[in-house]
Protein backbone atom coordinates (compact mmCIF):
# COMPACT_ATOMS: atom_id res chain seq x y z
CA MET A 1 114.41 64.93 50.55
CA LEU A 2 114.28 68.73 50.86
CA PRO A 3 110.41 69.87 50.88
CA GLU A 4 109.16 71.70 47.57
CA ALA A 5 109.06 74.76 49.38
CA PHE A 6 112.43 74.89 49.96
CA TRP A 7 113.04 75.22 46.02
CA LEU A 8 109.75 77.10 44.72
CA ASP A 9 108.84 80.34 45.41
CA ASN A 10 105.30 80.82 47.09
CA GLU A 11 102.96 83.36 46.54
CA HIS A 12 105.18 85.99 48.08
CA GLY A 13 107.93 85.25 46.19
CA VAL A 14 110.05 83.63 49.24
CA LYS A 15 111.29 79.94 49.39
CA GLY A 16 113.83 78.39 51.77
CA GLY A 17 113.59 77.11 55.40
CA ILE A 18 114.41 77.11 58.89
CA GLU A 19 116.84 75.15 60.69
CA LEU A 20 115.34 74.82 64.11
CA GLY A 21 118.85 73.72 65.61
CA PHE A 22 122.62 74.48 65.89
CA MET A 23 123.61 74.51 62.30
CA SER A 24 127.49 73.22 62.06
CA THR A 25 129.47 74.24 58.61
CA THR A 26 133.28 74.39 57.64
CA THR A 27 135.21 76.82 55.81
CA ASN A 28 137.28 73.98 54.53
CA ARG A 29 135.50 71.97 51.74
CA ALA A 30 137.19 68.75 51.98
CA THR A 31 135.67 68.51 55.34
CA ALA A 32 131.94 69.09 53.86
CA VAL A 33 132.53 66.35 50.99
CA GLN A 34 134.15 63.70 53.46
CA TYR A 35 130.88 64.10 56.06
CA MET A 36 128.68 64.11 52.49
CA ASN A 37 130.24 60.86 51.44
CA GLN A 38 129.81 58.90 54.96
CA GLU A 39 126.46 58.89 53.98
CA LYS A 40 126.75 56.51 50.96
CA LYS A 41 123.96 58.03 49.06
CA THR A 42 123.29 58.54 45.59
CA ALA A 43 122.55 62.10 45.59
CA ARG A 44 125.17 64.43 47.19
CA MET A 45 124.42 67.80 47.73
CA ILE A 46 126.48 70.73 49.47
CA PHE A 47 125.53 74.03 50.80
CA GLU A 48 127.52 77.03 49.86
CA ILE A 49 126.86 79.92 52.28
CA LYS A 50 128.18 83.10 52.15
CA MET A 51 128.67 85.26 55.63
CA GLY A 52 127.83 89.07 55.88
CA MET A 53 128.73 91.53 58.12
CA VAL A 54 125.62 90.61 60.34
CA ASP A 55 124.46 87.30 59.35
CA ARG A 56 127.48 85.43 60.70
CA GLY A 57 128.13 82.09 62.73
CA ALA A 58 130.55 81.63 65.90
CA ASP A 59 134.29 80.37 65.01
CA LEU A 60 134.63 77.28 66.92
CA GLY A 61 137.89 76.38 65.37
CA TRP A 62 140.02 77.04 68.56
CA ALA A 63 137.91 74.40 70.24
CA SER A 64 137.65 71.66 67.58
CA GLN A 65 139.58 68.56 68.29
CA TYR A 66 139.70 67.34 64.74
CA ASP A 67 140.67 70.78 63.23
CA GLU A 68 137.61 71.17 61.54
CA LYS A 69 137.63 74.90 60.99
CA GLU A 70 134.02 75.01 61.84
CA ILE A 71 131.59 77.67 61.89
CA LEU A 72 128.17 77.32 64.21
CA PHE A 73 125.20 79.05 63.51
CA ALA A 74 122.55 79.57 66.08
CA PRO A 75 118.92 77.81 66.20
CA LEU A 76 116.39 79.53 63.96
CA THR A 77 118.93 80.42 61.30
CA GLY A 78 117.30 80.81 58.00
CA LEU A 79 118.33 79.39 54.61
CA GLU A 80 117.21 80.72 51.29
CA PRO A 81 118.41 79.31 47.88
CA GLN A 82 120.15 81.82 45.59
CA SER A 83 121.37 79.48 43.03
CA VAL A 84 121.90 75.74 42.12
CA ARG A 85 124.90 74.02 40.03
CA VAL A 86 126.39 70.84 39.67
CA GLU A 87 130.32 70.15 40.02
CA ASN A 88 131.94 66.65 39.55
CA GLY A 89 128.18 65.05 40.68
CA VAL A 90 127.65 66.94 43.43
CA LEU A 91 124.74 69.48 43.38
CA VAL A 92 126.06 72.78 45.23
CA VAL A 93 123.36 75.00 46.65
CA GLU A 94 124.03 78.52 47.30
CA LEU A 95 122.31 79.95 50.17
CA ARG A 96 121.33 83.31 51.42
CA LEU A 97 121.73 83.43 55.41
CA SER A 98 119.13 85.15 57.70
CA CYS A 99 120.55 84.81 61.37
CA ASN A 100 118.48 85.04 64.48
CA LEU A 101 119.35 87.76 66.10
CA HIS A 102 116.62 88.01 68.64
CA ASP A 103 118.19 85.26 70.46
CA GLN A 104 120.44 86.44 73.43
CA THR A 105 124.18 85.21 74.25
CA LEU A 106 124.79 82.72 76.93
CA GLY A 107 125.96 86.05 78.97
CA GLN A 108 122.64 87.81 78.14
CA VAL A 109 120.71 84.87 79.33
CA VAL A 110 122.79 84.55 82.76
CA ALA A 111 122.39 88.25 83.26
CA ARG A 112 118.69 88.62 82.20
CA MET A 113 117.55 89.31 85.59
CA GLN A 114 119.55 91.67 86.09
CA ALA A 115 118.78 93.48 82.99
CA SER A 116 115.28 93.38 83.65
CA HIS A 117 115.72 95.27 87.11
CA VAL A 118 118.19 97.75 85.71
CA ALA A 119 115.36 98.43 83.05
CA PHE A 120 112.72 98.68 85.99
CA ILE A 121 114.68 101.23 87.32
CA ASN A 122 115.18 103.17 84.01
CA THR A 123 111.47 102.93 83.46
CA MET A 124 110.85 104.71 87.02
CA ILE A 125 113.57 107.47 86.06
CA ASP A 126 112.29 108.07 82.81
CA SER A 127 108.61 108.68 84.31
CA LEU A 128 110.08 111.32 86.47
CA ARG A 129 112.58 113.08 84.11
CA LEU A 130 110.06 113.24 81.38
CA GLY A 131 106.70 113.57 83.41
CA ILE A 132 107.62 116.57 85.36
CA TYR A 133 108.63 119.76 83.95
CA GLY A 134 111.93 120.99 85.52
CA LEU A 135 112.40 118.54 87.79
CA PRO A 136 115.42 119.17 90.13
CA PRO A 137 118.11 116.70 89.23
CA SER A 138 118.64 116.07 92.87
CA VAL A 139 115.41 114.05 92.76
CA LEU A 140 116.75 111.31 90.99
CA GLU A 141 119.70 110.62 93.30
CA PRO A 142 118.04 107.95 95.15
CA LEU A 143 117.27 105.95 91.99
CA MET A 144 120.56 106.51 90.27
CA GLN A 145 122.24 105.03 93.28
CA ALA A 146 120.08 102.28 93.47
CA LYS A 147 120.89 101.78 89.68
CA GLU A 148 124.70 102.09 90.23
CA LYS A 149 124.66 99.62 92.66
CA ALA A 150 122.37 96.85 90.69
CA GLN A 151 125.25 97.11 87.73
CA THR A 152 128.26 96.89 90.18
CA GLU A 153 126.33 93.90 92.09
CA GLY A 154 126.07 92.22 88.31
CA GLU A 155 129.61 93.00 87.47
CA ALA A 156 130.43 90.84 90.73
CA ASP A 157 128.46 88.06 90.29
CA ARG A 158 126.35 87.36 87.14
CA THR A 159 124.04 84.73 88.90
CA PHE A 160 123.06 87.19 91.86
CA PHE A 161 119.82 88.57 90.47
CA ASN A 162 118.79 84.69 89.25
CA LYS A 163 118.12 83.88 93.17
CA PRO A 164 114.72 84.83 94.08
CA GLN A 165 115.31 86.19 97.42
CA ASN A 166 117.83 88.42 96.14
CA TYR A 167 115.79 89.63 93.27
CA MET A 168 112.75 90.32 95.80
CA GLN A 169 115.44 92.42 98.23
CA VAL A 170 116.70 94.70 94.70
CA THR A 171 113.39 95.13 93.67
CA GLN A 172 111.78 96.75 97.11
CA ALA A 173 114.69 98.74 97.55
CA ALA A 174 114.42 100.03 93.84
CA LEU A 175 110.43 100.68 95.09
CA ASP A 176 111.70 102.37 98.18
CA ALA A 177 114.33 104.35 96.05
CA ASN A 178 111.43 105.49 94.13
CA ASP A 179 109.60 106.52 97.22
CA ALA A 180 112.47 108.45 98.46
CA CYS A 181 112.61 110.44 95.17
CA TYR A 182 108.68 111.72 95.53
CA ALA A 183 109.93 111.88 99.04
CA LYS A 184 112.42 114.83 98.02
CA LEU A 185 109.97 116.40 95.50
CA ALA A 186 107.88 117.27 98.71
CA MET A 187 110.94 119.20 100.56
CA ASP A 188 111.51 122.91 99.65
CA ASP A 189 115.16 122.31 99.76
CA THR A 190 114.90 120.06 96.51
CA TRP A 191 113.63 123.01 94.77
CA ALA A 192 116.23 125.48 95.57
CA ALA A 193 118.15 124.42 92.43
CA ALA A 194 115.25 124.71 90.15
CA LYS A 195 115.74 127.07 87.30
CA GLY A 196 113.57 130.07 86.61
CA ASP A 197 111.63 132.46 88.24
CA ALA A 198 109.21 131.95 90.87
CA ALA A 199 106.30 131.50 88.82
CA THR A 200 107.83 128.90 86.17
CA ILE A 201 109.15 126.79 89.39
CA ALA A 202 105.78 127.19 90.90
CA PHE A 203 104.30 125.89 87.63
CA GLY A 204 106.88 122.95 87.80
CA MET A 205 105.59 122.11 91.32
CA ARG A 206 102.14 122.37 89.96
CA LYS A 207 102.57 119.80 87.22
CA ALA A 208 104.85 117.65 89.44
CA ALA A 209 101.44 117.69 92.07
CA GLU A 210 99.39 116.86 89.15
CA LYS A 211 101.41 113.36 88.26
CA CYS A 212 101.57 112.34 92.04
CA ALA A 213 97.93 112.94 92.49
CA ASN A 214 97.74 110.53 88.91
CA GLU A 215 99.66 107.64 90.43
CA GLY A 216 97.95 107.65 93.88
CA ARG A 217 100.42 110.15 95.87
CA PRO A 218 97.90 112.71 97.59
CA LYS A 219 100.49 113.76 100.50
CA VAL A 220 103.23 114.27 97.91
CA ALA A 221 100.54 116.30 95.77
CA ALA A 222 99.26 118.28 98.87
CA ALA A 223 102.78 119.65 99.99
CA LEU A 224 103.80 120.84 96.32
CA LEU A 225 100.41 122.77 95.96
CA VAL A 226 100.86 124.56 99.19
CA MET A 227 104.94 125.01 98.06
CA ALA A 228 103.65 126.22 94.93
CA ALA A 229 101.22 128.70 96.83
CA GLN A 230 103.88 130.24 98.84
CA ARG A 231 106.31 130.46 96.22
CA ALA A 232 104.22 132.28 93.78
CA GLY A 233 100.83 132.60 95.21
CA VAL A 234 97.26 132.10 93.62
CA PRO A 235 94.98 133.89 92.18
CA GLN A 236 93.38 136.87 93.93
CA GLU A 237 89.99 135.50 93.70
CA HIS A 238 90.98 132.44 95.75
CA LYS A 239 93.20 134.49 98.56
CA ASP A 240 89.86 136.60 98.66
CA ASN A 241 88.30 133.54 99.70
CA VAL A 242 90.28 131.77 102.06
CA THR A 243 90.85 135.58 103.82
CA HIS A 244 86.99 135.78 104.24
CA LEU A 245 87.01 131.99 105.53
CA LEU A 246 89.75 132.75 108.04
CA ASN A 247 88.24 136.18 109.43
CA ALA A 248 84.84 134.58 109.74
CA SER A 249 86.62 132.13 111.62
CA ARG A 250 88.83 133.78 113.69
CA ARG A 251 91.82 131.50 112.72
CA SER A 252 95.68 132.47 112.12
CA VAL A 253 96.49 133.29 108.57
CA ALA A 254 99.97 132.52 108.64
CA ASP A 255 99.57 128.99 109.76
CA LEU A 256 96.50 128.15 107.61
CA GLN A 257 96.62 130.55 104.51
CA PRO A 258 99.04 128.45 102.19
CA ALA A 259 97.19 125.14 102.54
CA LEU A 260 93.51 126.69 102.39
CA GLU A 261 94.72 128.54 99.43
CA ALA A 262 96.13 125.66 97.68
CA ALA A 263 92.82 123.99 98.52
CA GLY A 264 91.05 126.88 97.09
CA LEU A 265 92.89 126.99 93.60
CA LEU A 266 92.18 123.18 93.41
CA LEU A 267 88.88 123.28 94.20
CA GLY A 268 88.28 126.21 91.60
CA THR A 269 90.11 125.06 88.75
CA CYS A 270 89.89 120.44 89.08
CA GLY A 271 87.12 120.42 91.44
CA SER A 272 86.66 117.72 94.42
CA GLU A 273 86.14 114.53 92.71
CA GLY A 274 88.59 111.98 90.70
CA MET A 275 91.95 112.01 91.24
CA TRP A 276 92.31 115.07 93.11
CA LYS A 277 90.14 114.12 95.76
CA PRO A 278 92.49 112.37 97.95
CA THR A 279 94.90 115.53 97.70
CA LEU A 280 92.12 117.58 99.04
CA VAL A 281 91.64 115.33 101.93
CA GLU A 282 95.51 116.07 102.60
CA LEU A 283 95.18 119.59 102.35
CA CYS A 284 91.95 119.10 104.66
CA VAL A 285 95.11 117.87 107.36
CA ARG A 286 97.40 120.16 106.60
CA SER A 287 94.76 123.31 107.14
CA GLY A 288 94.04 121.24 110.75
CA ASP A 289 90.61 121.25 110.45
CA ARG A 290 88.43 119.56 107.61
CA HIS A 291 85.18 122.06 108.43
CA MET A 292 87.65 125.29 107.25
CA VAL A 293 87.97 122.84 104.18
CA ALA A 294 84.18 122.07 104.05
CA ARG A 295 83.44 125.61 104.19
CA LEU A 296 85.72 126.52 101.08
CA ALA A 297 84.61 123.78 98.83
CA GLN A 298 80.85 125.25 99.70
CA LEU A 299 82.30 128.80 98.27
CA TYR A 300 83.05 126.99 95.10
CA GLY A 301 79.79 124.81 95.09
CA HIS A 302 81.00 121.50 96.01
CA GLN A 303 79.53 118.97 98.48
CA PRO A 304 82.11 118.65 101.43
CA SER A 305 80.43 115.45 102.30
CA SER A 306 82.69 114.11 99.04
CA LEU A 307 85.94 115.16 100.53
CA TRP A 308 86.47 112.85 103.58
CA HIS A 309 87.95 109.10 103.29
CA ILE A 310 86.11 108.17 106.56
CA GLN A 311 82.68 110.05 106.49
CA PRO A 312 81.71 110.91 109.79
CA LEU A 313 79.04 108.82 111.51
CA THR A 314 75.65 110.58 110.87
CA GLU A 315 73.93 109.28 113.96
CA TYR A 316 76.08 111.83 115.80
CA ALA A 317 76.78 115.72 115.66
CA ASP A 318 79.93 116.19 113.39
CA LEU A 319 80.52 119.89 115.03
CA PRO A 320 83.61 122.19 113.72
CA LEU A 321 86.51 122.50 115.78
CA ASP A 322 86.56 126.31 116.33
CA ALA A 323 85.45 126.63 119.88
CA TYR A 324 87.11 123.28 121.12
CA LYS A 325 90.91 124.95 119.51
CA GLU A 326 90.01 128.33 121.12
CA GLN A 327 89.19 127.28 124.89
CA PRO A 328 92.20 126.97 126.87
CA PHE A 329 90.58 124.60 129.82
CA PHE A 330 90.55 121.22 128.32
CA HIS A 331 93.55 119.45 126.55
CA GLN A 332 94.54 120.15 122.94
CA ILE A 333 94.53 116.30 120.91
CA ASN A 334 95.37 115.52 117.65
CA SER A 335 92.83 117.10 115.66
CA LYS A 336 94.53 115.90 112.46
CA PHE A 337 94.07 112.26 113.32
CA PRO A 338 91.89 110.19 110.77
CA GLY A 339 88.66 109.42 111.14
CA LEU A 340 88.27 111.92 114.49
CA GLN A 341 85.04 113.35 114.84
CA LEU A 342 83.81 115.80 117.44
CA ILE A 343 80.09 114.85 118.81
CA SER A 344 79.70 116.84 122.19
CA GLN A 345 80.80 120.25 123.21
CA GLU A 346 79.11 120.46 126.73
CA PRO A 347 81.12 118.60 127.59
CA TYR A 348 84.14 117.82 125.11
CA ILE A 349 83.62 114.36 123.32
CA PHE A 350 85.35 112.97 120.47
CA ILE A 351 84.92 109.76 118.79
CA CYS A 352 87.95 108.18 116.22
CA GLN A 353 86.33 105.25 113.96
CA ASP A 354 88.52 102.51 112.96
CA PHE A 355 90.98 103.38 115.62
CA VAL A 356 92.05 99.82 115.57
CA SER A 357 91.70 96.92 113.19
CA ALA A 358 89.02 93.90 113.81
CA ASP A 359 92.20 91.78 114.17
CA GLU A 360 93.66 93.94 116.93
CA CYS A 361 90.32 94.09 118.93
CA GLN A 362 90.21 90.21 118.68
CA LYS A 363 93.83 89.99 119.94
CA LEU A 364 93.27 92.85 122.70
CA ILE A 365 90.00 89.97 123.78
CA ASN A 366 92.01 87.03 123.55
CA LEU A 367 94.65 89.01 125.82
CA PHE A 368 91.57 89.60 128.35
CA SER A 369 90.30 86.29 128.61
CA PHE A 370 94.04 84.97 129.15
CA SER A 371 94.15 87.34 132.03
CA VAL A 372 90.88 86.54 133.47
CA ALA A 373 91.98 82.68 132.80
CA LYS A 374 94.53 83.58 134.99
CA GLY A 375 92.68 84.77 138.00
CA LYS A 376 93.59 88.48 137.34
CA SER A 377 90.43 90.19 137.49
CA ALA A 378 90.60 93.79 139.54
CA THR A 379 86.74 94.31 140.22
CA SER A 380 86.46 94.11 143.93
CA GLU A 381 83.68 93.17 145.89
CA PRO A 382 82.84 96.50 147.13
CA GLN A 383 82.47 97.82 143.67
CA THR A 384 79.34 95.41 143.17
CA GLU A 385 76.62 98.09 143.85
CA ARG A 386 77.64 100.70 141.35
CA ARG A 387 79.95 98.33 139.11
CA THR A 388 79.01 94.72 138.13
CA SER A 389 81.48 93.99 135.35
CA THR A 390 84.81 92.05 135.14
CA THR A 391 88.19 94.38 134.55
CA VAL A 392 91.69 93.37 134.09
CA ILE A 393 95.05 95.46 134.47
CA LEU A 394 97.21 94.93 131.61
CA ASN A 395 100.32 95.71 133.57
CA GLY A 396 103.54 93.70 133.67
CA ASP A 397 104.08 91.39 130.87
CA ALA A 398 100.69 91.92 129.42
CA GLU A 399 101.64 95.76 129.40
CA LYS A 400 104.06 94.57 126.75
CA GLU A 401 101.47 93.41 124.46
CA VAL A 402 99.86 96.53 124.25
CA ALA A 403 102.68 98.74 124.11
CA TRP A 404 101.91 99.25 120.75
CA LEU A 405 98.22 100.79 121.36
CA ARG A 406 99.41 102.71 124.12
CA GLU A 407 101.93 104.40 121.76
CA LYS A 408 99.08 105.18 119.47
CA VAL A 409 96.76 106.49 122.19
CA ALA A 410 99.71 108.79 123.12
CA ALA A 411 99.86 109.91 119.50
CA LEU A 412 95.95 110.62 119.08
CA VAL A 413 95.85 113.12 121.96
CA SER A 414 99.04 114.36 122.18
CA VAL A 415 100.48 113.20 125.01
CA ASP A 416 103.87 111.55 126.51
CA THR A 417 103.39 107.78 126.85
CA ASP A 418 104.80 107.78 130.30
CA GLN A 419 101.36 109.88 131.06
CA LEU A 420 99.24 106.71 130.37
CA GLN A 421 97.97 104.91 133.55
CA VAL A 422 98.15 101.39 133.59
CA THR A 423 95.68 100.10 130.43
CA LYS A 424 92.30 98.00 131.60
CA THR A 425 90.03 95.86 129.80
CA THR A 426 86.48 95.04 130.67
CA ARG A 427 84.05 92.72 130.00
CA TYR A 428 80.28 93.76 130.89
CA GLU A 429 77.84 90.24 130.56
CA GLN A 430 74.20 90.37 130.21
CA GLY A 431 72.84 92.35 133.06
CA GLU A 432 76.02 94.16 133.95
CA PHE A 433 76.45 97.72 134.83
CA PHE A 434 78.49 100.53 135.53
CA ARG A 435 76.38 103.28 137.28
CA ARG A 436 77.33 107.25 136.38
CA HIS A 437 80.48 108.35 137.66
CA GLY A 438 83.58 110.51 136.78
CA ASP A 439 86.85 109.63 136.03
CA GLY A 440 89.09 112.37 137.78
CA VAL A 441 90.16 112.00 141.40
CA PHE A 442 90.45 114.24 144.34
CA GLY A 443 86.65 115.56 143.79
CA SER A 444 86.41 116.78 147.23
CA GLU A 445 89.67 118.42 147.48
CA LYS A 446 89.34 120.31 144.26
CA LYS A 447 85.64 121.42 145.42
CA ASP A 448 86.92 122.96 148.71
CA TRP A 449 89.46 125.16 146.98
CA ALA A 450 86.75 126.11 144.24
CA ASP A 451 84.59 126.97 147.18
CA ARG A 452 87.31 129.21 148.61
CA LEU A 453 87.63 130.50 144.85
CA LEU A 454 83.75 131.56 144.66
CA ALA A 455 84.16 133.17 148.27
CA GLY A 456 86.37 135.71 147.15
CA GLU A 457 90.04 134.19 148.47
CA THR A 458 92.90 136.03 146.51
CA ALA A 459 95.05 134.11 144.24
CA GLU A 460 97.83 134.62 146.43
CA GLN A 461 95.91 132.70 149.07
CA LEU A 462 94.54 130.04 146.72
CA SER A 463 98.16 129.40 145.20
CA GLY A 464 100.22 128.48 148.09
CA PRO A 465 102.83 125.51 148.17
CA GLY A 466 100.93 122.30 149.30
CA GLU A 467 97.31 123.39 147.85
CA ALA A 468 95.30 120.86 146.97
CA ALA A 469 94.05 123.13 143.59
CA PHE A 470 97.76 121.43 142.37
CA LEU A 471 96.79 117.80 142.87
CA PRO A 472 97.33 115.92 139.65
CA ASN A 473 94.45 114.44 137.82
CA ARG A 474 93.46 112.32 135.20
CA PHE A 475 92.48 114.71 132.11
CA ILE A 476 91.84 112.66 129.43
CA THR A 477 89.98 109.24 129.02
CA VAL A 478 90.26 106.96 125.87
CA PHE A 479 88.03 104.22 125.71
CA LEU A 480 88.21 101.71 122.64
CA TYR A 481 84.94 99.39 121.86
CA LEU A 482 86.45 96.06 121.06
CA ASN A 483 83.41 94.59 119.55
CA ASP A 484 79.79 95.61 118.22
CA VAL A 485 76.99 95.82 120.45
CA VAL A 486 73.67 95.36 119.03
CA LYS A 487 71.61 95.79 122.36
CA GLY A 488 72.33 97.23 125.73
CA GLY A 489 75.89 98.61 126.90
CA ARG A 490 75.87 102.23 125.46
CA THR A 491 77.83 104.97 126.97
CA THR A 492 75.62 107.62 128.37
CA TRP A 493 76.28 111.29 129.36
CA LYS A 494 73.57 113.19 131.19
CA HIS A 495 73.89 116.46 132.95
CA ASN A 496 72.28 119.72 133.85
CA LYS A 497 73.72 123.14 134.02
CA ASN A 498 76.75 123.33 136.58
CA ASP A 499 78.64 125.98 138.30
CA LEU A 500 81.92 124.51 136.84
CA TYR A 501 80.94 126.37 133.68
CA ASP A 502 78.77 128.89 134.83
CA LYS A 503 81.40 130.44 137.93
CA VAL A 504 84.30 128.80 138.46
CA LEU A 505 86.08 128.76 135.22
CA PRO A 506 85.41 132.32 134.66
CA GLN A 507 86.20 133.02 137.98
CA MET A 508 89.39 131.02 138.23
CA GLY A 509 90.86 132.66 135.08
CA LYS A 510 90.59 135.74 136.73
CA VAL A 511 91.76 134.75 139.85
CA LEU A 512 94.92 133.42 138.33
CA GLY A 513 95.48 136.01 135.92
CA LYS A 514 94.59 133.90 132.89
CA HIS A 515 92.98 135.50 129.73
CA ILE A 516 89.59 133.91 128.64
CA PRO A 517 88.64 134.70 125.10
CA GLU A 518 85.42 136.84 124.81
CA SER A 519 84.14 134.93 121.99
CA LEU A 520 84.56 131.88 124.03
CA SER A 521 81.14 130.50 125.87
CA VAL A 522 81.32 128.54 128.88
CA ARG A 523 78.02 128.37 129.90
CA PRO A 524 76.50 125.11 128.80
CA GLN A 525 73.00 124.31 127.68
CA LYS A 526 70.66 123.59 130.49
CA THR A 527 70.42 119.92 129.99
CA MET A 528 72.31 117.23 127.27
CA GLU A 529 71.83 113.71 126.91
CA LEU A 530 73.98 111.70 124.82
CA SER A 531 74.67 107.99 124.26
CA VAL A 532 77.29 106.35 122.07
CA ALA A 533 76.69 102.61 120.74
CA PRO A 534 79.82 100.39 121.07
CA ARG A 535 80.98 100.08 117.36
CA ARG A 536 84.26 97.50 117.15
CA GLY A 537 87.47 99.78 116.85
CA MET A 538 86.04 102.81 117.49
CA ALA A 539 87.58 105.33 120.23
CA VAL A 540 85.72 107.64 122.54
CA ILE A 541 87.81 110.60 123.80
CA HIS A 542 86.71 112.67 126.81
CA PHE A 543 87.65 115.26 129.12
CA PRO A 544 87.84 114.25 133.14
CA SER A 545 89.29 117.38 134.23
CA THR A 546 90.90 120.70 132.97
CA VAL A 547 94.63 121.10 132.63
CA LYS A 548 97.04 121.67 134.95
CA GLU A 549 96.81 125.64 134.07
CA TYR A 550 93.84 125.31 135.19
CA MET A 551 94.12 123.18 138.46
CA CYS A 552 93.07 120.11 137.19
CA HIS A 553 89.44 120.58 138.36
CA PRO A 554 87.06 117.37 137.69
CA ASP A 555 84.27 118.23 135.24
CA PRO A 556 81.03 117.29 136.43
CA LEU A 557 79.55 117.40 132.85
CA ALA A 558 81.94 114.41 131.63
CA HIS A 559 80.27 111.87 134.19
CA HIS A 560 78.78 108.94 132.54
CA GLU A 561 77.55 105.62 132.68
CA SER A 562 77.68 102.33 131.31
CA GLU A 563 73.90 100.99 130.23
CA ASP A 564 72.87 97.49 131.38
CA ALA A 565 74.49 95.08 128.81
CA VAL A 566 72.14 92.84 126.81
CA ASP A 567 75.00 91.68 124.34
CA PRO A 568 78.29 90.99 125.94
CA LYS A 569 80.62 94.07 125.36
CA TYR A 570 84.35 94.37 125.49
CA ILE A 571 86.06 97.65 126.48
CA LEU A 572 89.27 98.99 126.87
CA GLN A 573 90.01 101.89 129.03
CA GLN A 574 92.87 104.35 129.02
CA PHE A 575 93.12 107.04 131.54
CA ILE A 576 95.84 109.63 131.02
CA TRP A 577 97.33 111.79 133.82
CA SER A 578 98.18 115.41 133.57
CA SER A 579 101.84 114.81 134.66
CA ARG A 580 104.27 111.80 134.19
CA ARG A 581 104.49 108.67 136.63
CA GLU A 582 107.48 109.37 138.13
CA GLU A 583 105.85 112.91 138.92
CA ILE A 584 102.63 112.36 139.97
CA LEU A 585 103.20 110.66 143.20
CA GLU A 586 105.47 113.65 144.23
CA GLU A 587 102.58 116.06 143.26
CA VAL A 588 100.68 114.06 145.49
CA LYS A 589 102.31 114.49 148.30
CA ARG A 590 102.92 117.80 147.98
CA GLY A 591 99.47 118.57 147.38
CA PHE A 592 98.23 116.91 150.57
CA ASN A 593 100.93 119.06 152.65
CA VAL A 594 98.53 121.10 154.23
CA LYS A 595 95.58 118.64 153.66
CA THR A 596 96.07 116.35 156.50
CA GLU A 597 92.64 116.66 158.38
CA SER A 598 90.68 115.60 154.93
CA ILE A 599 93.17 112.65 154.33
CA GLN A 600 92.84 111.16 157.81
CA ARG A 601 89.04 111.21 156.84
CA LYS A 602 89.93 108.86 154.04
CA ASN A 603 91.76 106.69 156.56
CA GLY A 604 95.33 107.94 156.31
CA PHE A 605 97.69 109.20 153.95
CA ASN A 606 99.53 106.37 153.11
CA VAL A 607 96.06 104.37 151.70
CA GLU A 608 95.40 107.15 149.48
CA MET A 609 99.08 107.18 147.93
CA ALA A 610 98.78 103.38 147.65
CA SER A 611 95.96 103.88 145.45
CA ILE A 612 97.41 106.14 143.12
CA GLN A 613 100.07 104.04 142.77
CA GLU A 614 98.17 101.46 142.09
CA ALA A 615 95.97 103.30 139.41
CA LEU A 616 99.41 104.06 137.74
CA TYR A 617 101.05 100.67 137.87
CA GLY A 618 98.38 97.93 138.28
CA PRO A 619 98.41 96.02 142.01
CA PRO A 620 101.75 95.60 143.21
CA THR A 621 102.85 93.01 146.16
CA SER A 622 104.28 95.74 148.42
CA TYR A 623 104.26 99.13 148.34
CA ASP A 624 107.09 101.42 149.55
C-alpha cells in the first residue's frame, strides 16, 4: 500500500514520493507484468513512466543476463502521479519523473579530489585575474602550469589525488605556485608587458599593492609601491617632504628617494595603521633606516612608534643610524636586520632582539652542557684572577652543530663566514665574573704604531712592509644571551675620554690620505657607562677595533666586563676577524717581520702564532 501523500495533493498542490534506492524499470511491458504476477497479490499495479530529455535512466540492456531491457534510475528519483486507469484488472499509474541531477557519476566520484584541487587553483587564478587592474598575463604562468599538471595527472590516474600524501603534495605545489605569481608582481620586468601609459600602469601597481597588503603580503606590496613611484612619481607635496628629509639627513637621494616617496604617499593617503602597517615596515627596511621613515611619519602627523614589528627596548637608547653609516672607522653591519637597535655611539653598540628563538637557545645550552660533560672546558688556571667562568670551544663536530648560527651571525654583520673565529659558549655561576677587558689583539704593537703616528712620522715611514699597523684583528664581537637573568651578570661598558678618538683617528686619516667627513664628530663625551641585562635570544654587537683601512686599531672604549653573577648566566661569544681564516696567519707573519724584539718579549714568535691559531680553530693536538 502506498501512503495517502502519494495520491492526494498537499497544501502546495504536490503529491508523489521519492525512491530512496536504485529504481529498476523495463521498456518491455511483459517483463513488468511477469514480475507483478510473481507477487500473487489481489491488488495489482504497474507504474507507467515517460522519460524526458533530461529525466532519463541508464540503459542496462547490454548487461542484462535475461534480456530484460532494463532502464535503471539513480537513487532519490522523484515520482509524481499524473493519471490512473484500469486495464484488465491492473491499476496503471502514469508517473512524471524528476531525476536526481545532483549526484555525481562514478567517474566524477572517483575524480572528486582532483576536481576540488583544480577548483582550488581556479579560485587563486580568478583572485589574481579579477582582483588586479591591468594584470600582466605572465603573472599567472606558475598557476596555469600547476593547473595543467593537475589535469594531466588526473587523466593518467584518476585515483592519484585520492591518496592523502599526493593531495598534500599537489596542494603545497599549488600554494607555492600562487606565491610565485605574487613574487612576479614584485618584479619590474613583469610589468614591461602591461598595457597603458606610465600613469595607468602605476595605478595598476598601486591597486595590486592594496590587494597584497590586504592579503598579508607586505614585501610584495612595498615593492609594488616603490616601482609605482619610480614609474610615475608621486604628487609634489610628497616629493617635497622627502627632499626636505633627505637634505636634513645628508643621505643619498638616488638610493632612498623611491622608497621614501612611496612611504610618504602611503602615510598621506592611508595612514600608518590597519592593513598598511606591515607594508610601511617593509618600506622602512627598503629605506635602510627606520628612523628615516619615523621622521617622515611625524611630518604626516603619525606616531612613528606604531610602525615597527619589534618595538625598541625602552630601557636603552634607540639612536638614529646616520652618524654610524657616515663614519669610516668601524665596520658597517646589516642595518636592515629585523630587531636591530643602536643603543650607543661612543662606542657603537647594537642589540638585536629575538636573534634566535627560545628553543634554539636551549639547544645551545644543551650543547654546552654536553661538551662540559666531555671535559672540554677551555677556561685555564692563569685566567682566574680576571675570569672565573667556564668556557667551551665549539670546534670539530660541535662546530657543525652551530653552522646555522654562524651563517646567521655572518648575515647580521655582513661578513664572510670564514672571518668567524671558532664559536665559544660560557657559563657564569653565582659569584663568577669577567673583569674589564677588550676583545682586540696586538694592543701593544698597535699602540707603538699610533705613538709613532702622533710623533709625526710620515705615511711612507708608517706603511712599510711588515709593519705592525697591518696586523689583522678581531674587529667585531657578537655575543648572544642564552637565558634571562634577573640578578647580576650584566655586561657593562665604562670609559673616560680617550686619545684614540681625540687624536689618533683624525691624524690617521690625514697621514693615510683618507677623507674624514667634517660633519663626523669623533670626540667622545667625557665619560660613559652602559649596562646591558642578559635577555634570552638577544644579540649584542660591538667593535673591538677599527676596519683594515684604519689599521685594525683596538678601541679602548669597547672594553667591557661581565659583572659578578647572581643567577646562572649562559652566553655565546662570536669573535669576527678583519680577514678570512686562511689569510690571518699569513698577515700575522708579515706584520711581525720587523717586530722580532717585541715578539721575543712574549716568549717567541711561535707561541704567538700558536695562540692565534688556537683562537681561530680551537685547541689542536699539535701545531705545524
